[in-house]
N, C-alpha and C. Protein backbone atom coordinates (compact mmCIF):
# COMPACT_ATOMS: atom_id res chain seq x y z
N MET A 1 1.33 -1.15 -0.14
CA MET A 1 -0.60 -0.43 0.05
C MET A 1 0.94 1.42 0.14
N ASN A 2 0.93 2.32 -0.76
CA ASN A 2 1.23 3.68 -0.93
C ASN A 2 0.96 4.36 0.19
N SER A 3 1.91 5.78 0.25
CA SER A 3 1.60 6.53 1.15
C SER A 3 -0.14 6.75 1.77
N VAL A 4 0.02 7.22 0.48
CA VAL A 4 -1.91 8.06 -0.13
C VAL A 4 -2.42 7.64 0.19
N GLN A 5 -2.14 6.20 0.26
CA GLN A 5 -3.64 4.65 0.30
C GLN A 5 -3.34 4.87 2.03
N SER A 6 -2.34 5.09 2.31
CA SER A 6 -2.35 4.86 4.11
C SER A 6 -3.10 5.57 4.51
N LEU A 7 -2.61 6.95 4.02
CA LEU A 7 -3.47 7.90 4.67
C LEU A 7 -4.35 7.97 4.72
N ILE A 8 -5.08 7.74 3.36
CA ILE A 8 -6.54 7.62 3.40
C ILE A 8 -7.27 6.58 4.75
N SER A 9 -6.60 5.38 4.47
CA SER A 9 -7.08 4.35 4.97
C SER A 9 -7.28 4.64 6.68
N LEU A 10 -6.10 5.49 6.77
CA LEU A 10 -6.12 6.16 8.57
C LEU A 10 -6.97 7.17 8.43
N ILE A 11 -7.18 8.29 8.23
CA ILE A 11 -8.18 8.89 7.57
C ILE A 11 -9.33 7.98 7.86
N LYS A 12 -9.81 7.55 7.25
CA LYS A 12 -11.31 6.87 7.64
C LYS A 12 -11.25 5.77 8.47
N THR A 13 -9.99 4.95 9.66
CA THR A 13 -10.28 4.35 10.65
C THR A 13 -10.84 5.45 11.36
N ILE A 14 -9.62 6.65 11.42
CA ILE A 14 -10.58 7.85 12.43
C ILE A 14 -11.58 8.24 12.47
N LEU A 15 -12.72 8.34 11.15
CA LEU A 15 -13.17 8.77 11.03
C LEU A 15 -14.96 8.43 11.29
N GLU A 16 -14.93 6.47 11.33
CA GLU A 16 -15.13 5.54 11.55
C GLU A 16 -15.55 5.09 12.93
N ASP A 17 -14.40 5.30 13.47
CA ASP A 17 -13.92 5.43 14.75
C ASP A 17 -14.67 6.55 15.29
N HIS A 18 -14.71 7.92 15.10
CA HIS A 18 -15.47 8.54 15.84
C HIS A 18 -16.96 8.92 15.47
N LYS A 19 -17.65 8.04 15.21
CA LYS A 19 -18.90 8.26 14.37
C LYS A 19 -19.18 9.03 12.55
N ALA A 20 -18.45 9.35 12.22
CA ALA A 20 -18.94 10.06 10.98
C ALA A 20 -20.27 9.29 10.37
N GLN A 21 -20.78 10.48 9.67
CA GLN A 21 -21.79 10.25 8.93
C GLN A 21 -20.85 10.28 6.84
N ASN A 22 -22.01 8.78 6.33
CA ASN A 22 -21.34 9.60 5.01
C ASN A 22 -20.48 9.82 4.83
N ILE A 23 -19.62 8.65 4.99
CA ILE A 23 -18.27 9.18 4.23
C ILE A 23 -17.59 9.09 2.83
N VAL A 24 -17.12 9.72 2.65
CA VAL A 24 -17.01 9.53 0.83
C VAL A 24 -15.56 10.31 -0.06
N GLU A 25 -14.79 8.82 -0.38
CA GLU A 25 -13.95 9.27 -0.76
C GLU A 25 -13.96 9.22 -2.14
N LEU A 26 -13.17 10.21 -3.26
CA LEU A 26 -13.62 10.52 -3.92
C LEU A 26 -11.50 11.18 -4.71
N ASP A 27 -11.10 10.48 -5.74
CA ASP A 27 -10.70 10.33 -6.31
C ASP A 27 -10.26 12.20 -7.09
N ILE A 28 -9.36 12.46 -7.00
CA ILE A 28 -9.51 13.25 -8.06
C ILE A 28 -7.82 13.81 -8.44
N LYS A 29 -7.00 13.04 -8.81
CA LYS A 29 -5.81 12.97 -9.23
C LYS A 29 -6.12 13.48 -10.71
N ASP A 30 -6.85 13.33 -11.42
CA ASP A 30 -6.95 13.60 -12.90
C ASP A 30 -7.66 14.96 -12.81
N VAL A 31 -8.29 15.18 -12.43
CA VAL A 31 -8.83 16.57 -12.58
C VAL A 31 -8.09 17.67 -11.59
N SER A 32 -7.52 17.44 -11.23
CA SER A 32 -6.49 18.50 -9.90
C SER A 32 -5.19 18.03 -10.01
N SER A 33 -4.26 19.37 -9.55
CA SER A 33 -3.17 19.63 -9.41
C SER A 33 -2.96 19.71 -7.59
N ILE A 34 -4.01 19.81 -7.18
CA ILE A 34 -3.96 19.44 -5.39
C ILE A 34 -3.75 18.93 -4.41
N ALA A 35 -4.07 17.79 -5.16
CA ALA A 35 -3.77 16.46 -3.93
C ALA A 35 -4.75 15.21 -5.27
N ASP A 36 -3.86 14.40 -4.29
CA ASP A 36 -5.21 12.86 -5.43
C ASP A 36 -6.60 12.50 -4.83
N ALA A 37 -6.70 13.09 -3.35
CA ALA A 37 -7.86 11.70 -3.22
C ALA A 37 -8.57 13.07 -2.41
N MET A 38 -9.75 13.44 -1.99
CA MET A 38 -10.40 13.89 -1.49
C MET A 38 -11.44 13.00 -0.33
N ILE A 39 -11.05 13.78 1.13
CA ILE A 39 -12.68 13.14 1.94
C ILE A 39 -14.04 13.58 2.52
N VAL A 40 -15.06 13.87 2.44
CA VAL A 40 -15.69 14.64 2.56
C VAL A 40 -16.52 13.52 3.41
N THR A 41 -17.09 14.19 5.02
CA THR A 41 -18.30 12.97 5.57
C THR A 41 -18.56 14.58 6.31
N SER A 42 -19.97 13.86 6.99
CA SER A 42 -20.67 14.44 8.17
C SER A 42 -20.28 14.47 9.43
N GLY A 43 -20.56 15.66 9.91
CA GLY A 43 -20.86 15.25 11.79
C GLY A 43 -22.25 15.16 11.46
N THR A 44 -22.83 15.29 13.46
CA THR A 44 -23.99 15.42 13.81
C THR A 44 -24.56 17.18 14.53
N SER A 45 -22.94 17.48 14.28
CA SER A 45 -23.47 18.81 14.99
C SER A 45 -21.98 19.40 14.85
N THR A 46 -22.16 20.95 15.58
CA THR A 46 -19.96 21.96 15.49
C THR A 46 -19.52 20.85 16.23
N ARG A 47 -20.05 21.08 17.59
CA ARG A 47 -19.10 20.13 18.31
C ARG A 47 -18.34 18.70 18.12
N HIS A 48 -19.30 17.80 17.48
CA HIS A 48 -18.52 16.77 17.21
C HIS A 48 -17.82 16.74 15.35
N VAL A 49 -18.77 17.83 14.56
CA VAL A 49 -17.57 17.90 13.56
C VAL A 49 -16.17 18.18 14.03
N LYS A 50 -15.86 19.37 15.06
CA LYS A 50 -14.70 19.72 15.27
C LYS A 50 -14.19 18.79 16.11
N SER A 51 -15.24 17.27 16.69
CA SER A 51 -13.80 16.49 17.18
C SER A 51 -13.43 15.56 16.38
N MET A 52 -14.10 15.35 15.26
CA MET A 52 -13.11 14.50 14.27
C MET A 52 -12.00 15.32 14.08
N ALA A 53 -12.20 16.64 13.24
CA ALA A 53 -11.66 17.27 12.96
C ALA A 53 -10.06 16.95 13.87
N ASP A 54 -10.23 17.59 14.72
CA ASP A 54 -8.76 17.63 15.81
C ASP A 54 -8.22 15.80 16.34
N ALA A 55 -9.29 14.57 16.21
CA ALA A 55 -8.51 13.28 15.42
C ALA A 55 -8.03 13.21 15.01
N VAL A 56 -8.67 13.50 13.88
CA VAL A 56 -7.70 12.95 12.17
C VAL A 56 -6.55 14.21 12.51
N MET A 57 -7.02 15.66 12.89
CA MET A 57 -5.34 16.18 13.17
C MET A 57 -3.94 15.87 13.60
N GLU A 58 -4.75 15.13 15.07
CA GLU A 58 -3.86 14.47 16.28
C GLU A 58 -3.39 12.98 15.16
N LYS A 59 -3.44 11.89 15.24
CA LYS A 59 -3.73 10.94 14.74
C LYS A 59 -3.19 10.30 13.60
N THR A 60 -3.04 11.69 12.32
CA THR A 60 -2.29 11.72 11.29
C THR A 60 -0.77 12.10 11.65
N LYS A 61 -0.60 12.83 12.25
CA LYS A 61 -0.25 13.70 12.81
C LYS A 61 1.14 12.71 13.72
N GLN A 62 0.59 11.97 13.82
CA GLN A 62 1.53 11.15 14.97
C GLN A 62 1.99 9.88 14.13
N ALA A 63 1.22 9.81 13.45
CA ALA A 63 2.05 8.62 12.31
C ALA A 63 2.49 8.86 11.28
N GLY A 64 3.31 10.46 12.01
CA GLY A 64 3.91 11.38 10.47
C GLY A 64 2.94 11.40 9.30
N PHE A 65 2.24 12.06 9.19
CA PHE A 65 1.91 12.51 8.22
C PHE A 65 2.01 14.58 8.29
N LYS A 66 2.21 15.49 7.27
CA LYS A 66 2.21 16.73 7.65
C LYS A 66 0.54 16.68 7.47
N ILE A 67 0.76 17.65 8.32
CA ILE A 67 -0.39 18.40 8.09
C ILE A 67 -0.41 20.51 7.15
N LEU A 68 -0.46 20.50 6.06
CA LEU A 68 -0.17 22.27 5.68
C LEU A 68 -1.25 23.27 5.97
N SER A 69 -2.04 22.94 6.56
CA SER A 69 -3.03 23.66 7.55
C SER A 69 -4.28 22.99 7.22
N SER A 70 -5.46 24.10 7.89
CA SER A 70 -6.66 24.24 8.28
C SER A 70 -7.43 24.99 8.37
N GLU A 71 -8.99 24.82 8.19
CA GLU A 71 -9.29 26.25 8.69
C GLU A 71 -10.97 25.81 8.91
N GLY A 72 -11.88 26.56 9.30
CA GLY A 72 -13.14 26.19 9.57
C GLY A 72 -13.03 26.03 10.98
N ALA A 73 -12.08 25.60 11.51
CA ALA A 73 -12.13 25.63 13.66
C ALA A 73 -13.07 26.72 14.07
N GLN A 74 -13.06 28.02 13.42
CA GLN A 74 -13.64 29.12 14.51
C GLN A 74 -15.30 28.36 14.70
N THR A 75 -16.09 28.38 13.80
CA THR A 75 -17.54 28.38 13.05
C THR A 75 -17.99 26.77 13.27
N SER A 76 -16.62 25.43 12.78
CA SER A 76 -17.49 24.34 12.52
C SER A 76 -18.14 23.82 11.98
N GLU A 77 -18.87 24.66 10.75
CA GLU A 77 -20.01 24.00 10.01
C GLU A 77 -18.67 23.30 9.34
N TRP A 78 -17.89 23.39 8.68
CA TRP A 78 -17.12 23.14 7.62
C TRP A 78 -15.74 23.39 8.09
N ILE A 79 -14.95 21.45 8.13
CA ILE A 79 -13.36 21.98 8.74
C ILE A 79 -12.75 20.87 7.43
N LEU A 80 -11.89 22.61 7.20
CA LEU A 80 -11.11 21.50 5.33
C LEU A 80 -9.50 21.19 6.95
N ILE A 81 -9.23 19.90 5.76
CA ILE A 81 -7.87 19.25 6.59
C ILE A 81 -6.46 19.04 5.47
N ASP A 82 -5.71 19.82 5.01
CA ASP A 82 -5.27 19.92 3.96
C ASP A 82 -3.85 18.69 4.49
N LEU A 83 -3.89 17.45 3.53
CA LEU A 83 -2.92 16.81 4.57
C LEU A 83 -1.93 16.29 3.12
N ALA A 84 -1.74 17.83 2.62
CA ALA A 84 -1.29 17.71 1.15
C ALA A 84 -1.61 16.43 -0.17
N ASP A 85 -1.64 15.43 0.13
CA ASP A 85 -1.92 14.36 -0.86
C ASP A 85 -3.42 14.18 -0.39
N VAL A 86 -4.09 14.73 0.40
CA VAL A 86 -4.75 13.97 0.70
C VAL A 86 -5.96 15.38 1.49
N ILE A 87 -7.16 16.14 0.80
CA ILE A 87 -8.03 16.91 1.56
C ILE A 87 -9.03 16.50 2.36
N VAL A 88 -8.98 16.23 3.70
CA VAL A 88 -10.51 16.32 4.36
C VAL A 88 -11.68 17.75 4.15
N HIS A 89 -12.67 17.10 3.84
CA HIS A 89 -13.70 18.02 4.40
C HIS A 89 -14.60 17.61 5.58
N ILE A 90 -15.05 18.28 6.67
CA ILE A 90 -15.49 17.59 7.73
C ILE A 90 -17.14 18.53 8.10
N MET A 91 -18.31 17.85 7.30
CA MET A 91 -19.17 19.34 7.73
C MET A 91 -20.54 18.66 8.17
N LEU A 92 -21.24 20.15 8.31
CA LEU A 92 -22.66 19.89 9.25
C LEU A 92 -23.49 19.41 8.19
N PRO A 93 -24.23 18.40 7.80
CA PRO A 93 -25.12 17.76 6.98
C PRO A 93 -25.16 19.08 5.76
N GLU A 94 -26.44 20.00 6.14
CA GLU A 94 -27.09 21.37 5.44
C GLU A 94 -26.06 22.05 4.82
N THR A 95 -24.82 21.79 5.79
CA THR A 95 -23.93 23.06 5.04
C THR A 95 -22.95 21.79 3.46
N ARG A 96 -23.02 20.48 3.52
CA ARG A 96 -22.67 19.42 2.57
C ARG A 96 -23.94 19.96 1.82
N ASN A 97 -24.31 19.75 2.29
CA ASN A 97 -26.09 19.68 1.13
C ASN A 97 -25.67 20.88 -0.25
N PHE A 98 -25.74 22.39 0.71
CA PHE A 98 -25.42 23.19 0.20
C PHE A 98 -24.48 23.29 -1.25
N TYR A 99 -23.04 23.13 -0.62
CA TYR A 99 -21.92 22.91 -1.78
C TYR A 99 -21.93 21.74 -2.24
N ASP A 100 -22.28 20.60 -1.97
CA ASP A 100 -22.49 19.50 -3.40
C ASP A 100 -20.83 19.17 -3.50
N LEU A 101 -19.92 18.83 -2.56
CA LEU A 101 -18.66 18.75 -3.28
C LEU A 101 -18.00 17.58 -3.69
N GLU A 102 -18.98 16.64 -3.90
CA GLU A 102 -18.74 14.94 -4.42
C GLU A 102 -19.85 15.14 -5.87
N ARG A 103 -20.79 15.96 -5.77
CA ARG A 103 -20.80 16.28 -7.23
C ARG A 103 -19.82 17.12 -8.16
N LEU A 104 -19.45 18.27 -7.61
CA LEU A 104 -18.22 19.42 -8.19
C LEU A 104 -17.40 18.84 -8.38
N TRP A 105 -16.73 17.96 -7.53
CA TRP A 105 -15.57 16.68 -7.99
C TRP A 105 -15.65 15.58 -8.73
N SER A 106 -16.23 15.79 -8.99
CA SER A 106 -16.92 14.60 -9.58
C SER A 106 -16.44 14.62 -11.25
N ALA A 107 -17.24 15.95 -11.53
CA ALA A 107 -17.33 16.20 -12.60
C ALA A 107 -16.54 16.00 -13.43
N ARG A 108 -15.94 15.67 -14.11
CA ARG A 108 -14.54 15.58 -15.42
C ARG A 108 -14.80 16.89 -16.44
N PRO A 109 -13.25 17.14 -16.50
CA PRO A 109 -13.44 17.89 -17.94
C PRO A 109 -14.46 17.87 -19.34
N GLN A 110 -14.81 17.00 -19.55
CA GLN A 110 -15.78 16.40 -20.83
C GLN A 110 -17.25 16.63 -20.25
N ASP A 111 -17.21 16.71 -19.50
CA ASP A 111 -18.93 16.94 -18.41
C ASP A 111 -19.34 18.36 -18.45
N LEU A 112 -17.70 19.23 -18.21
CA LEU A 112 -17.83 20.39 -17.73
C LEU A 112 -18.15 21.28 -19.48
N GLN A 113 -17.43 20.93 -20.44
CA GLN A 113 -17.70 21.22 -21.77
C GLN A 113 -19.21 21.30 -22.29
N LYS A 114 -19.66 19.71 -21.87
CA LYS A 114 -21.04 19.87 -22.04
C LYS A 114 -22.06 21.00 -21.52
N ALA A 115 -21.85 21.63 -20.25
CA ALA A 115 -23.13 22.26 -19.24
C ALA A 115 -22.44 24.06 -19.78
């Protein structure tokens, strides 16, 4: 297993252990140069979102992965964690529905030309 797959597996395990809802992994390496993968999940409250983000940051750092940045902890409606090869979005369900990242990042260039 390569380091990206190891990181994805670790993140998913952390999120599952913290009762994340609807964990979705997106392969974005063909549509973006910012990362290879994106993980999107939901929490039940701002406290739950913050708790999951804290756990992801703490445990990935302990495992030797570097956190480039994180944003959104002030309101905890949507916390983004940039781990270079993998970007994690932990959101409240209503925020997730509004921004619909899964649809946006699943679009391929040929789909965008038709729109």
